[in-house]
PDB file of N, CA and C in Angstrom:
ATOM      1  N   MET A   1     161.549  41.619-170.570  1.00  0.00           N
ATOM      2  CA  MET A   1     161.793  42.752-169.684  1.00  0.00           C
ATOM      3  C   MET A   1     161.248  44.046-170.277  1.00  0.00           C
ATOM      4  N   ILE A   2     161.296  44.175-171.609  1.00  0.00           N
ATOM      5  CA  ILE A   2     160.782  45.374-172.257  1.00  0.00           C
ATOM      6  C   ILE A   2     159.279  45.488-172.027  1.00  0.00           C
ATOM      7  N   MET A   3     158.564  44.359-172.055  1.00  0.00           N
ATOM      8  CA  MET A   3     157.125  44.366-171.849  1.00  0.00           C
ATOM      9  C   MET A   3     156.800  44.863-170.444  1.00  0.00           C
ATOM     10  N   ASN A   4     157.547  44.433-169.429  1.00  0.00           N
ATOM     11  CA  ASN A   4     157.311  44.893-168.049  1.00  0.00           C
ATOM     12  C   ASN A   4     157.571  46.379-167.926  1.00  0.00           C
ATOM     13  N   GLY A   5     158.549  46.891-168.623  1.00  0.00           N
ATOM     14  CA  GLY A   5     158.847  48.318-168.607  1.00  0.00           C
ATOM     15  C   GLY A   5     157.726  49.133-169.228  1.00  0.00           C
ATOM     16  N   ARG A   6     157.156  48.619-170.321  1.00  0.00           N
ATOM     17  CA  ARG A   6     156.036  49.312-170.964  1.00  0.00           C
ATOM     18  C   ARG A   6     154.802  49.303-170.060  1.00  0.00           C
ATOM     19  N   ILE A   7     154.563  48.179-169.430  1.00  0.00           N
ATOM     20  CA  ILE A   7     153.419  48.090-168.511  1.00  0.00           C
ATOM     21  C   ILE A   7     153.596  49.088-167.372  1.00  0.00           C
ATOM     22  N   LEU A   8     154.803  49.194-166.860  1.00  0.00           N
ATOM     23  CA  LEU A   8     155.075  50.136-165.773  1.00  0.00           C
ATOM     24  C   LEU A   8     154.844  51.572-166.238  1.00  0.00           C
ATOM     25  N   VAL A   9     155.317  51.919-167.428  1.00  0.00           N
ATOM     26  CA  VAL A   9     155.144  53.275-167.955  1.00  0.00           C
ATOM     27  C   VAL A   9     153.662  53.579-168.140  1.00  0.00           C
ATOM     28  N   VAL A  10     152.914  52.647-168.715  1.00  0.00           N
ATOM     29  CA  VAL A  10     151.484  52.838-168.928  1.00  0.00           C
ATOM     30  C   VAL A  10     150.770  52.964-167.586  1.00  0.00           C
ATOM     31  N   SER A  11     151.135  52.151-166.626  1.00  0.00           N
ATOM     32  CA  SER A  11     150.516  52.196-165.294  1.00  0.00           C
ATOM     33  C   SER A  11     150.775  53.532-164.609  1.00  0.00           C
ATOM     34  N   VAL A  12     151.992  54.003-164.679  1.00  0.00           N
ATOM     35  CA  VAL A  12     152.337  55.285-164.070  1.00  0.00           C
ATOM     36  C   VAL A  12     151.591  56.417-164.774  1.00  0.00           C
ATOM     37  N   ALA A  13     151.521  56.366-166.088  1.00  0.00           N
ATOM     38  CA  ALA A  13     150.804  57.402-166.839  1.00  0.00           C
ATOM     39  C   ALA A  13     149.326  57.406-166.462  1.00  0.00           C
ATOM     40  N   ALA A  14     148.728  56.223-166.322  1.00  0.00           N
ATOM     41  CA  ALA A  14     147.316  56.139-165.929  1.00  0.00           C
ATOM     42  C   ALA A  14     147.119  56.689-164.527  1.00  0.00           C
ATOM     43  N   LEU A  15     148.012  56.386-163.614  1.00  0.00           N
ATOM     44  CA  LEU A  15     147.914  56.885-162.249  1.00  0.00           C
ATOM     45  C   LEU A  15     148.021  58.406-162.214  1.00  0.00           C
ATOM     46  N   VAL A  16     148.931  58.962-162.968  1.00  0.00           N
ATOM     47  CA  VAL A  16     149.079  60.418-163.032  1.00  0.00           C
ATOM     48  C   VAL A  16     147.816  61.057-163.588  1.00  0.00           C
ATOM     49  N   ALA A  17     147.226  60.458-164.624  1.00  0.00           N
ATOM     50  CA  ALA A  17     145.995  60.996-165.213  1.00  0.00           C
ATOM     51  C   ALA A  17     144.851  60.976-164.200  1.00  0.00           C
ATOM     52  N   VAL A  18     144.729  59.885-163.456  1.00  0.00           N
ATOM     53  CA  VAL A  18     143.667  59.779-162.442  1.00  0.00           C
ATOM     54  C   VAL A  18     143.884  60.813-161.346  1.00  0.00           C
ATOM     55  N   LEU A  19     145.098  60.951-160.872  1.00  0.00           N
ATOM     56  CA  LEU A  19     145.377  61.929-159.810  1.00  0.00           C
ATOM     57  C   LEU A  19     145.109  63.350-160.286  1.00  0.00           C
ATOM     58  N   ALA A  20     145.428  63.647-161.522  1.00  0.00           N
ATOM     59  CA  ALA A  20     145.169  64.985-162.068  1.00  0.00           C
ATOM     60  C   ALA A  20     143.665  65.241-162.142  1.00  0.00           C
ATOM     61  N   ALA A  21     142.904  64.242-162.540  1.00  0.00           N
ATOM     62  CA  ALA A  21     141.446  64.399-162.628  1.00  0.00           C
ATOM     63  C   ALA A  21     140.840  64.583-161.249  1.00  0.00           C
ATOM     64  N   VAL A  22     141.267  63.807-160.286  1.00  0.00           N
ATOM     65  CA  VAL A  22     140.738  63.909-158.923  1.00  0.00           C
ATOM     66  C   VAL A  22     141.065  65.269-158.320  1.00  0.00           C
ATOM     67  N   ARG A  23     142.206  65.780-158.622  1.00  0.00           N
ATOM     68  CA  ARG A  23     142.627  67.062-158.080  1.00  0.00           C
ATOM     69  C   ARG A  23     141.730  68.204-158.563  1.00  0.00           C
ATOM     70  N   GLN A  24     141.123  68.043-159.724  1.00  0.00           N
ATOM     71  CA  GLN A  24     140.280  69.085-160.284  1.00  0.00           C
ATOM     72  C   GLN A  24     138.854  69.034-159.758  1.00  0.00           C
ATOM     73  N   ILE A  25     138.469  67.947-159.087  1.00  0.00           N
ATOM     74  CA  ILE A  25     137.125  67.833-158.534  1.00  0.00           C
ATOM     75  C   ILE A  25     137.091  68.617-157.228  1.00  0.00           C
ATOM     76  N   PRO A  26     136.223  69.632-157.119  1.00  0.00           N
ATOM     77  CA  PRO A  26     136.188  70.410-155.889  1.00  0.00           C
ATOM     78  C   PRO A  26     135.605  69.603-154.734  1.00  0.00           C
ATOM     79  N   ALA A  27     136.214  69.735-153.592  1.00  0.00           N
ATOM     80  CA  ALA A  27     135.695  69.074-152.396  1.00  0.00           C
ATOM     81  C   ALA A  27     134.442  69.799-151.944  1.00  0.00           C
ATOM     82  N   GLN A  28     133.539  69.076-151.279  1.00  0.00           N
ATOM     83  CA  GLN A  28     132.367  69.741-150.731  1.00  0.00           C
ATOM     84  C   GLN A  28     132.862  70.718-149.671  1.00  0.00           C
ATOM     85  N   GLU A  29     132.354  71.919-149.755  1.00  0.00           N
ATOM     86  CA  GLU A  29     132.803  72.953-148.849  1.00  0.00           C
ATOM     87  C   GLU A  29     132.258  72.688-147.453  1.00  0.00           C
ATOM     88  N   VAL A  30     133.094  72.940-146.457  1.00  0.00           N
ATOM     89  CA  VAL A  30     132.702  72.715-145.081  1.00  0.00           C
ATOM     90  C   VAL A  30     132.515  74.062-144.415  1.00  0.00           C
ATOM     91  N   GLY A  31     131.416  74.204-143.705  1.00  0.00           N
ATOM     92  CA  GLY A  31     131.135  75.453-143.015  1.00  0.00           C
ATOM     93  C   GLY A  31     131.257  75.306-141.514  1.00  0.00           C
ATOM     94  N   ASP A  32     130.914  76.360-140.826  1.00  0.00           N
ATOM     95  CA  ASP A  32     130.970  76.439-139.369  1.00  0.00           C
ATOM     96  C   ASP A  32     129.590  76.079-138.818  1.00  0.00           C
ATOM     97  N   VAL A  33     129.457  74.873-138.264  1.00  0.00           N
ATOM     98  CA  VAL A  33     128.162  74.383-137.791  1.00  0.00           C
ATOM     99  C   VAL A  33     127.558  75.285-136.711  1.00  0.00           C
ATOM    100  N   PRO A  34     128.312  75.682-135.667  1.00  0.00           N
ATOM    101  CA  PRO A  34     127.699  76.556-134.656  1.00  0.00           C
ATOM    102  C   PRO A  34     127.208  77.885-135.232  1.00  0.00           C
ATOM    103  N   ASN A  35     127.959  78.473-136.149  1.00  0.00           N
ATOM    104  CA  ASN A  35     127.500  79.717-136.760  1.00  0.00           C
ATOM    105  C   ASN A  35     126.279  79.466-137.638  1.00  0.00           C
ATOM    106  N   GLY A  36     126.255  78.336-138.340  1.00  0.00           N
ATOM    107  CA  GLY A  36     125.092  77.976-139.141  1.00  0.00           C
ATOM    108  C   GLY A  36     123.852  77.810-138.282  1.00  0.00           C
ATOM    109  N   ARG A  37     124.020  77.215-137.102  1.00  0.00           N
ATOM    110  CA  ARG A  37     122.888  77.075-136.173  1.00  0.00           C
ATOM    111  C   ARG A  37     122.418  78.455-135.714  1.00  0.00           C
ATOM    112  N   HIS A  38     123.369  79.341-135.450  1.00  0.00           N
ATOM    113  CA  HIS A  38     123.020  80.706-135.031  1.00  0.00           C
ATOM    114  C   HIS A  38     122.213  81.414-136.129  1.00  0.00           C
ATOM    115  N   ILE A  39     122.654  81.316-137.354  1.00  0.00           N
ATOM    116  CA  ILE A  39     121.930  81.936-138.464  1.00  0.00           C
ATOM    117  C   ILE A  39     120.542  81.318-138.591  1.00  0.00           C
ATOM    118  N   ALA A  40     120.479  80.005-138.489  1.00  0.00           N
ATOM    119  CA  ALA A  40     119.195  79.311-138.605  1.00  0.00           C
ATOM    120  C   ALA A  40     118.224  79.745-137.510  1.00  0.00           C
ATOM    121  N   THR A  41     118.727  79.894-136.288  1.00  0.00           N
ATOM    122  CA  THR A  41     117.837  80.235-135.174  1.00  0.00           C
ATOM    123  C   THR A  41     117.494  81.717-135.129  1.00  0.00           C
ATOM    124  N   THR A  42     118.178  82.527-135.917  1.00  0.00           N
ATOM    125  CA  THR A  42     117.841  83.955-135.937  1.00  0.00           C
ATOM    126  C   THR A  42     117.114  84.376-137.214  1.00  0.00           C
ATOM    127  N   ILE A  43     117.365  83.692-138.327  1.00  0.00           N
ATOM    128  CA  ILE A  43     116.754  84.091-139.597  1.00  0.00           C
ATOM    129  C   ILE A  43     115.757  83.032-140.097  1.00  0.00           C
ATOM    130  N   CYS A  44     116.233  81.812-140.221  1.00  0.00           N
ATOM    131  CA  CYS A  44     115.446  80.749-140.861  1.00  0.00           C
ATOM    132  C   CYS A  44     114.257  80.301-140.018  1.00  0.00           C
ATOM    133  N   VAL A  45     114.364  80.482-138.706  1.00  0.00           N
ATOM    134  CA  VAL A  45     113.334  80.004-137.788  1.00  0.00           C
ATOM    135  C   VAL A  45     111.986  80.701-137.990  1.00  0.00           C
ATOM    136  N   ALA A  46     111.981  81.815-138.692  1.00  0.00           N
ATOM    137  CA  ALA A  46     110.712  82.492-138.953  1.00  0.00           C
ATOM    138  C   ALA A  46     109.782  81.596-139.777  1.00  0.00           C
ATOM    139  N   CYS A  47     110.350  80.725-140.594  1.00  0.00           N
ATOM    140  CA  CYS A  47     109.531  79.841-141.432  1.00  0.00           C
ATOM    141  C   CYS A  47     109.791  78.356-141.197  1.00  0.00           C
ATOM    142  N   HIS A  48     111.019  78.003-140.827  1.00  0.00           N
ATOM    143  CA  HIS A  48     111.418  76.601-140.698  1.00  0.00           C
ATOM    144  C   HIS A  48     111.604  76.209-139.236  1.00  0.00           C
ATOM    145  N   MET A  49     111.354  74.944-138.947  1.00  0.00           N
ATOM    146  CA  MET A  49     111.794  74.381-137.668  1.00  0.00           C
ATOM    147  C   MET A  49     113.247  74.002-137.911  1.00  0.00           C
ATOM    148  N   VAL A  50     114.111  74.451-137.048  1.00  0.00           N
ATOM    149  CA  VAL A  50     115.535  74.294-137.335  1.00  0.00           C
ATOM    150  C   VAL A  50     116.245  73.316-136.407  1.00  0.00           C
ATOM    151  N   GLY A  51     115.552  72.804-135.393  1.00  0.00           N
ATOM    152  CA  GLY A  51     116.179  71.879-134.459  1.00  0.00           C
ATOM    153  C   GLY A  51     116.202  70.451-134.966  1.00  0.00           C
ATOM    154  N   ARG A  52     116.996  69.638-134.314  1.00  0.00           N
ATOM    155  CA  ARG A  52     117.181  68.234-134.698  1.00  0.00           C
ATOM    156  C   ARG A  52     115.884  67.437-134.611  1.00  0.00           C
ATOM    157  N   SER A  53     115.062  67.695-133.615  1.00  0.00           N
ATOM    158  CA  SER A  53     113.853  66.887-133.431  1.00  0.00           C
ATOM    159  C   SER A  53     112.575  67.690-133.666  1.00  0.00           C
ATOM    160  N   GLU A  54     112.680  68.780-134.389  1.00  0.00           N
ATOM    161  CA  GLU A  54     111.516  69.617-134.687  1.00  0.00           C
ATOM    162  C   GLU A  54     111.084  69.355-136.132  1.00  0.00           C
ATOM    163  N   PHE A  55     109.789  69.043-136.316  1.00  0.00           N
ATOM    164  CA  PHE A  55     109.347  68.657-137.657  1.00  0.00           C
ATOM    165  C   PHE A  55     108.183  69.478-138.203  1.00  0.00           C
ATOM    166  N   ASN A  56     107.475  70.226-137.381  1.00  0.00           N
ATOM    167  CA  ASN A  56     106.325  70.995-137.849  1.00  0.00           C
ATOM    168  C   ASN A  56     106.691  72.467-137.931  1.00  0.00           C
ATOM    169  N   SER A  57     106.958  72.942-139.131  1.00  0.00           N
ATOM    170  CA  SER A  57     107.401  74.313-139.337  1.00  0.00           C
ATOM    171  C   SER A  57     106.258  75.307-139.184  1.00  0.00           C
ATOM    172  N   PRO A  58     106.569  76.526-138.741  1.00  0.00           N
ATOM    173  CA  PRO A  58     105.551  77.557-138.590  1.00  0.00           C
ATOM    174  C   PRO A  58     104.875  77.917-139.917  1.00  0.00           C
ATOM    175  N   ALA A  59     105.628  77.907-140.997  1.00  0.00           N
ATOM    176  CA  ALA A  59     105.053  78.163-142.326  1.00  0.00           C
ATOM    177  C   ALA A  59     104.779  76.791-142.940  1.00  0.00           C
ATOM    178  N   GLY A  60     103.524  76.524-143.222  1.00  0.00           N
ATOM    179  CA  GLY A  60     103.104  75.201-143.669  1.00  0.00           C
ATOM    180  C   GLY A  60     103.948  74.566-144.759  1.00  0.00           C
ATOM    181  N   GLY A  61     104.377  75.317-145.754  1.00  0.00           N
ATOM    182  CA  GLY A  61     105.130  74.748-146.865  1.00  0.00           C
ATOM    183  C   GLY A  61     106.627  74.694-146.654  1.00  0.00           C
ATOM    184  N   ALA A  62     107.103  75.238-145.545  1.00  0.00           N
ATOM    185  CA  ALA A  62     108.549  75.274-145.294  1.00  0.00           C
ATOM    186  C   ALA A  62     108.994  73.979-144.619  1.00  0.00           C
ATOM    187  N   PRO A  63     109.845  73.212-145.268  1.00  0.00           N
ATOM    188  CA  PRO A  63     110.271  71.947-144.664  1.00  0.00           C
ATOM    189  C   PRO A  63     111.158  72.177-143.435  1.00  0.00           C
ATOM    190  N   ALA A  64     111.020  71.305-142.474  1.00  0.00           N
ATOM    191  CA  ALA A  64     111.881  71.348-141.289  1.00  0.00           C
ATOM    192  C   ALA A  64     113.310  70.976-141.705  1.00  0.00           C
ATOM    193  N   PHE A  65     114.271  71.596-141.078  1.00  0.00           N
ATOM    194  CA  PHE A  65     115.665  71.320-141.423  1.00  0.00           C
ATOM    195  C   PHE A  65     116.024  69.848-141.219  1.00  0.00           C
ATOM    196  N   ALA A  66     115.457  69.211-140.193  1.00  0.00           N
ATOM    197  CA  ALA A  66     115.738  67.795-139.958  1.00  0.00           C
ATOM    198  C   ALA A  66     115.229  66.947-141.123  1.00  0.00           C
ATOM    199  N   ARG A  67     114.081  67.308-141.677  1.00  0.00           N
ATOM    200  CA  ARG A  67     113.549  66.574-142.837  1.00  0.00           C
ATOM    201  C   ARG A  67     114.429  66.812-144.065  1.00  0.00           C
ATOM    202  N   ILE A  68     114.899  68.031-144.226  1.00  0.00           N
ATOM    203  CA  ILE A  68     115.793  68.323-145.351  1.00  0.00           C
ATOM    204  C   ILE A  68     117.060  67.479-145.223  1.00  0.00           C
ATOM    205  N   ALA A  69     117.624  67.444-144.027  1.00  0.00           N
ATOM    206  CA  ALA A  69     118.853  66.679-143.797  1.00  0.00           C
ATOM    207  C   ALA A  69     118.653  65.191-144.068  1.00  0.00           C
ATOM    208  N   ASP A  70     117.455  64.680-143.758  1.00  0.00           N
ATOM    209  CA  ASP A  70     117.169  63.258-143.932  1.00  0.00           C
ATOM    210  C   ASP A  70     116.772  62.884-145.358  1.00  0.00           C
ATOM    211  N   THR A  71     116.675  63.848-146.251  1.00  0.00           N
ATOM    212  CA  THR A  71     116.319  63.564-147.639  1.00  0.00           C
ATOM    213  C   THR A  71     117.422  62.716-148.268  1.00  0.00           C
ATOM    214  N   PRO A  72     117.062  61.568-148.846  1.00  0.00           N
ATOM    215  CA  PRO A  72     118.088  60.723-149.471  1.00  0.00           C
ATOM    216  C   PRO A  72     118.863  61.494-150.541  1.00  0.00           C
ATOM    217  N   GLY A  73     120.175  61.359-150.500  1.00  0.00           N
ATOM    218  CA  GLY A  73     121.040  62.004-151.481  1.00  0.00           C
ATOM    219  C   GLY A  73     121.314  63.476-151.223  1.00  0.00           C
ATOM    220  N   MET A  74     120.857  63.998-150.079  1.00  0.00           N
ATOM    221  CA  MET A  74     121.071  65.422-149.792  1.00  0.00           C
ATOM    222  C   MET A  74     122.558  65.683-149.587  1.00  0.00           C
ATOM    223  N   THR A  75     123.067  66.679-150.310  1.00  0.00           N
ATOM    224  CA  THR A  75     124.480  67.050-150.233  1.00  0.00           C
ATOM    225  C   THR A  75     124.598  68.562-150.089  1.00  0.00           C
ATOM    226  N   SER A  76     125.796  69.010-149.827  1.00  0.00           N
ATOM    227  CA  SER A  76     126.017  70.450-149.739  1.00  0.00           C
ATOM    228  C   SER A  76     125.781  71.113-151.098  1.00  0.00           C
ATOM    229  N   ILE A  77     126.077  70.410-152.173  1.00  0.00           N
ATOM    230  CA  ILE A  77     125.851  70.967-153.506  1.00  0.00           C
ATOM    231  C   ILE A  77     124.354  71.150-153.754  1.00  0.00           C
ATOM    232  N   ALA A  78     123.563  70.148-153.396  1.00  0.00           N
ATOM    233  CA  ALA A  78     122.108  70.242-153.580  1.00  0.00           C
ATOM    234  C   ALA A  78     121.528  71.365-152.729  1.00  0.00           C
ATOM    235  N   LEU A  79     121.989  71.486-151.491  1.00  0.00           N
ATOM    236  CA  LEU A  79     121.487  72.548-150.615  1.00  0.00           C
ATOM    237  C   LEU A  79     121.889  73.923-151.135  1.00  0.00           C
ATOM    238  N   SER A  80     123.098  74.044-151.624  1.00  0.00           N
ATOM    239  CA  SER A  80     123.549  75.322-152.163  1.00  0.00           C
ATOM    240  C   SER A  80     122.691  75.724-153.354  1.00  0.00           C
ATOM    241  N   ALA A  81     122.406  74.776-154.226  1.00  0.00           N
ATOM    242  CA  ALA A  81     121.552  75.066-155.379  1.00  0.00           C
ATOM    243  C   ALA A  81     120.160  75.488-154.916  1.00  0.00           C
ATOM    244  N   ALA A  82     119.634  74.815-153.911  1.00  0.00           N
ATOM    245  CA  ALA A  82     118.301  75.157-153.399  1.00  0.00           C
ATOM    246  C   ALA A  82     118.289  76.554-152.789  1.00  0.00           C
ATOM    247  N   LEU A  83     119.342  76.902-152.077  1.00  0.00           N
ATOM    248  CA  LEU A  83     119.390  78.224-151.437  1.00  0.00           C
ATOM    249  C   LEU A  83     119.608  79.350-152.448  1.00  0.00           C
ATOM    250  N   LEU A  84     120.151  79.029-153.591  1.00  0.00           N
ATOM    251  CA  LEU A  84     120.406  80.050-154.612  1.00  0.00           C
ATOM    252  C   LEU A  84     119.273  80.161-155.626  1.00  0.00           C
ATOM    253  N   THR A  85     118.273  79.295-155.504  1.00  0.00           N
ATOM    254  CA  THR A  85     117.157  79.278-156.434  1.00  0.00           C
ATOM    255  C   THR A  85     115.939  79.929-155.793  1.00  0.00           C
ATOM    256  N   SER A  86     115.259  80.778-156.539  1.00  0.00           N
ATOM    257  CA  SER A  86     114.053  81.424-156.015  1.00  0.00           C
ATOM    258  C   SER A  86     112.934  80.403-155.850  1.00  0.00           C
ATOM    259  N   HIS A  87     112.156  80.573-154.794  1.00  0.00           N
ATOM    260  CA  HIS A  87     110.980  79.750-154.532  1.00  0.00           C
ATOM    261  C   HIS A  87     109.799  80.684-154.306  1.00  0.00           C
ATOM    262  N   ARG A  88     108.638  80.300-154.776  1.00  0.00           N
ATOM    263  CA  ARG A  88     107.465  81.156-154.607  1.00  0.00           C
ATOM    264  C   ARG A  88     107.177  81.424-153.139  1.00  0.00           C
ATOM    265  N   GLN A  89     107.316  80.417-152.299  1.00  0.00           N
ATOM    266  CA  GLN A  89     106.953  80.572-150.893  1.00  0.00           C
ATOM    267  C   GLN A  89     108.111  81.043-150.018  1.00  0.00           C
ATOM    268  N   MET A  90     109.318  81.063-150.555  1.00  0.00           N
ATOM    269  CA  MET A  90     110.472  81.427-149.742  1.00  0.00           C
ATOM    270  C   MET A  90     110.828  82.897-149.964  1.00  0.00           C
ATOM    271  N   PRO A  91     110.985  83.645-148.865  1.00  0.00           N
ATOM    272  CA  PRO A  91     111.388  85.045-149.029  1.00  0.00           C
ATOM    273  C   PRO A  91     112.783  85.129-149.646  1.00  0.00           C
ATOM    274  N   ASN A  92     113.085  86.234-150.264  1.00  0.00           N
ATOM    275  CA  ASN A  92     114.366  86.417-150.925  1.00  0.00           C
ATOM    276  C   ASN A  92     115.425  86.836-149.903  1.00  0.00           C
ATOM    277  N   ILE A  93     115.852  85.878-149.108  1.00  0.00           N
ATOM    278  CA  ILE A  93     116.888  86.132-148.100  1.00  0.00           C
ATOM    279  C   ILE A  93     118.236  85.884-148.758  1.00  0.00           C
ATOM    280  N   ILE A  94     119.092  86.882-148.708  1.00  0.00           N
ATOM    281  CA  ILE A  94     120.405  86.763-149.335  1.00  0.00           C
ATOM    282  C   ILE A  94     121.447  86.501-148.259  1.00  0.00           C
ATOM    283  N   LEU A  95     122.040  85.336-148.343  1.00  0.00           N
ATOM    284  CA  LEU A  95     123.118  84.973-147.427  1.00  0.00           C
ATOM    285  C   LEU A  95     124.452  85.146-148.152  1.00  0.00           C
ATOM    286  N   GLN A  96     125.435  85.618-147.439  1.00  0.00           N
ATOM    287  CA  GLN A  96     126.780  85.694-147.980  1.00  0.00           C
ATOM    288  C   GLN A  96     127.291  84.260-148.170  1.00  0.00           C
ATOM    289  N   PRO A  97     128.250  84.040-149.071  1.00  0.00           N
ATOM    290  CA  PRO A  97     128.731  82.675-149.320  1.00  0.00           C
ATOM    291  C   PRO A  97     129.164  81.935-148.053  1.00  0.00           C
ATOM    292  N   ASP A  98     129.857  82.612-147.138  1.00  0.00           N
ATOM    293  CA  ASP A  98     130.279  81.930-145.911  1.00  0.00           C
ATOM    294  C   ASP A  98     129.076  81.613-145.018  1.00  0.00           C
ATOM    295  N   GLU A  99     128.086  82.474-144.983  1.00  0.00           N
ATOM    296  CA  GLU A  99     126.869  82.203-144.209  1.00  0.00           C
ATOM    297  C   GLU A  99     126.115  81.017-144.811  1.00  0.00           C
ATOM    298  N   ARG A 100     126.040  80.977-146.130  1.00  0.00           N
ATOM    299  CA  ARG A 100     125.375  79.870-146.803  1.00  0.00           C
ATOM    300  C   ARG A 100     126.086  78.550-146.495  1.00  0.00           C
ATOM    301  N   ARG A 101     127.416  78.548-146.551  1.00  0.00           N
ATOM    302  CA  ARG A 101     128.181  77.335-146.210  1.00  0.00           C
ATOM    303  C   ARG A 101     127.902  76.915-144.773  1.00  0.00           C
ATOM    304  N   ASP A 102     127.803  77.897-143.869  1.00  0.00           N
ATOM    305  CA  ASP A 102     127.566  77.580-142.459  1.00  0.00           C
ATOM    306  C   ASP A 102     126.176  76.986-142.248  1.00  0.00           C
ATOM    307  N   VAL A 103     125.164  77.563-142.883  1.00  0.00           N
ATOM    308  CA  VAL A 103     123.806  77.032-142.757  1.00  0.00           C
ATOM    309  C   VAL A 103     123.742  75.625-143.349  1.00  0.00           C
ATOM    310  N   ILE A 104     124.382  75.429-144.472  1.00  0.00           N
ATOM    311  CA  ILE A 104     124.408  74.098-145.099  1.00  0.00           C
ATOM    312  C   ILE A 104     125.093  73.098-144.180  1.00  0.00           C
ATOM    313  N   ALA A 105     126.219  73.489-143.596  1.00  0.00           N
ATOM    314  CA  ALA A 105     126.924  72.589-142.669  1.00  0.00           C
ATOM    315  C   ALA A 105     126.033  72.242-141.484  1.00  0.00           C
ATOM    316  N   TYR A 106     125.292  73.237-140.978  1.00  0.00           N
ATOM    317  CA  TYR A 106     124.380  72.980-139.858  1.00  0.00           C
ATOM    318  C   TYR A 106     123.281  72.006-140.275  1.00  0.00           C
ATOM    319  N   ILE A 107     122.651  72.253-141.409  1.00  0.00           N
ATOM    320  CA  ILE A 107     121.576  71.355-141.856  1.00  0.00           C
ATOM    321  C   ILE A 107     122.094  69.931-142.003  1.00  0.00           C
ATOM    322  N   LEU A 108     123.249  69.764-142.642  1.00  0.00           N
ATOM    323  CA  LEU A 108     123.805  68.427-142.836  1.00  0.00           C
ATOM    324  C   LEU A 108     124.221  67.785-141.515  1.00  0.00           C
ATOM    325  N   SER A 109     124.508  68.583-140.503  1.00  0.00           N
ATOM    326  CA  SER A 109     124.872  68.032-139.192  1.00  0.00           C
ATOM    327  C   SER A 109     123.673  67.401-138.498  1.00  0.00           C
ATOM    328  N   LEU A 110     122.465  67.675-138.997  1.00  0.00           N
ATOM    329  CA  LEU A 110     121.260  67.128-138.391  1.00  0.00           C
ATOM    330  C   LEU A 110     120.965  65.697-138.833  1.00  0.00           C
ATOM    331  N   LYS A 111     121.758  65.172-139.753  1.00  0.00           N
ATOM    332  CA  LYS A 111     121.526  63.782-140.230  1.00  0.00           C
ATOM    333  C   LYS A 111     121.681  62.801-139.102  1.00  0.00           C
TER     334      LYS A 111
END
């Protein structure tokens, strides 16, 4: 009986440790898709095709949002990093954090 009690204590301790670790992992932030579409169609459309079935962007090097969404492994974290990193061909457009989340949510909605 003592062995079963020790196993139970160890099991509970392991479960608590796992739950504590999971709690510290930030969830992918969710934005407002309609607002993200609005931002995309008013700002991003100058260089990118922003619709679901649009693939040829006005600026040759600017990927279409549908192609970005279809990139294997594309996540909100990857998109956030891309939007916060300077690119030679991309103008320095500064989006507020909530606007960035909304645009990311819109792009990911195109999958």
